Protein backbone atom coordinates (compact mmCIF):
# COMPACT_ATOMS: atom_id res chain seq x y z
CA UNK A 1 -13.64 12.25 22.05
CA UNK A 2 -13.53 9.48 25.40
CA UNK A 3 -13.18 5.84 25.20
CA UNK A 4 -15.49 5.08 27.69
CA UNK A 5 -18.97 5.89 27.61
CA UNK A 6 -21.96 4.84 29.70
CA UNK A 7 -25.19 4.45 27.22
CA UNK A 8 -28.95 4.85 29.04
CA UNK A 9 -31.92 3.42 27.61
CA UNK A 10 -35.30 4.52 28.40
CA UNK A 11 -38.39 3.11 28.05
CA UNK A 12 -41.53 2.06 29.41
CA UNK A 13 -43.34 -0.77 31.11
CA UNK A 14 -44.18 -1.66 27.97
CA UNK A 15 -41.64 -0.65 25.40
CA UNK A 16 -39.93 -2.48 27.92
CA UNK A 17 -40.92 -5.91 28.18
CA UNK A 18 -41.63 -5.66 24.31
CA UNK A 19 -37.87 -5.05 23.69
CA UNK A 20 -38.12 -1.44 22.58
CA UNK A 21 -36.80 1.82 24.35
CA UNK A 22 -38.04 4.99 23.17
CA UNK A 23 -35.35 7.08 24.33
CA UNK A 24 -30.92 6.81 25.28
CA UNK A 25 -28.54 9.06 27.22
CA UNK A 26 -24.24 8.70 26.00
CA UNK A 27 -22.17 9.99 28.83
CA UNK A 28 -18.92 10.38 28.98
CA UNK A 29 -17.44 7.62 31.39
CA UNK A 30 -14.03 9.75 31.58
CA UNK A 31 -15.09 13.01 32.33
CA UNK A 32 -14.68 14.31 36.04
CA UNK A 33 -16.72 15.43 38.69
CA UNK A 34 -16.87 19.07 38.07
CA UNK A 35 -17.60 18.91 34.11
CA UNK A 36 -21.73 17.84 35.92
CA UNK A 37 -23.87 18.33 33.02
CA UNK A 38 -21.38 18.97 30.18
CA UNK A 39 -20.46 14.92 30.20
CA UNK A 40 -23.12 14.78 27.95
CA UNK A 41 -22.94 13.13 24.73
CA UNK A 42 -25.55 12.05 23.00
CA UNK A 43 -29.81 12.81 24.04
CA UNK A 44 -32.16 10.56 21.84
CA UNK A 45 -35.67 10.73 23.06
CA UNK A 46 -37.63 8.78 20.80
CA UNK A 47 -37.73 10.56 16.72
CA UNK A 48 -35.21 13.22 17.87
CA UNK A 49 -31.64 13.55 18.64
CA UNK A 50 -28.98 15.74 19.26
CA UNK A 51 -25.17 15.79 19.86
CA UNK A 52 -22.46 17.65 21.82
CA UNK A 53 -19.42 18.03 20.10
CA UNK A 54 -15.85 17.90 22.02
CA UNK A 55 -15.51 21.77 21.80
CA UNK A 56 -19.11 21.73 22.72
CA UNK A 57 -20.86 22.93 26.24
CA UNK A 58 -23.93 21.56 27.82
CA UNK A 59 -25.39 24.91 27.12
CA UNK A 60 -24.17 24.30 23.02
CA UNK A 61 -26.55 21.57 23.77
CA UNK A 62 -29.38 23.16 25.23
CA UNK A 63 -29.15 25.83 22.12
CA UNK A 64 -29.71 22.96 19.88
CA UNK A 65 -32.06 21.12 21.55
CA UNK A 66 -34.68 24.51 21.73
CA UNK A 67 -33.23 25.84 17.58
CA UNK A 68 -34.10 21.87 17.36
CA UNK A 69 -30.45 22.26 15.02
CA UNK A 70 -28.66 19.19 13.62
CA UNK A 71 -32.22 17.08 15.56
CA UNK A 72 -31.68 13.65 13.58
CA UNK A 73 -35.31 11.68 12.57
CA UNK A 74 -35.12 8.51 14.14
CA UNK A 75 -37.87 6.18 14.49
CA UNK A 76 -39.95 6.98 17.91
CA UNK A 77 -39.12 3.16 19.01
CA UNK A 78 -35.58 1.37 18.70
CA UNK A 79 -35.09 -2.61 19.71
CA UNK A 80 -33.14 -2.15 23.26
CA UNK A 81 -30.00 -3.21 23.13
CA UNK A 82 -29.29 -6.30 26.54
CA UNK A 83 -26.31 -6.68 27.93
CA UNK A 84 -28.09 -9.86 29.74
CA UNK A 85 -29.39 -11.55 26.34
CA UNK A 86 -25.88 -12.61 25.63
CA UNK A 87 -25.52 -14.40 29.03
CA UNK A 88 -29.33 -15.73 29.08
CA UNK A 89 -28.42 -17.98 25.64
CA UNK A 90 -25.34 -19.13 27.37
CA UNK A 91 -27.26 -20.88 29.79
C-alpha cells in the first residue's frame, strides 16, 4: 500500500455549511502519472463504498461497483475532516 494518499471529500453546499460530506475519494499519491485511474484506492458515495486491493486494477474496482460486491453499507452523510479546524482553534 502507498505511504502517501490524497483524500478528496465531496459535498453539497448545504452539507458543507453544516460540516458534512456525502462522499470521498482516496488516491495513491505515489502512483505514476501513467497509472491514471489505477491510482484510485477507495470510492465512498453516500451509503456505498468500494475499495481496490493493491493487486487489483481500476477495472476490478468498476466490476465491484457494477456487481455491488464488497459494498460497505455506510451512513449517507458523515462528518467532514477539516484541515483548517486546527488552525482556527489555535488563533
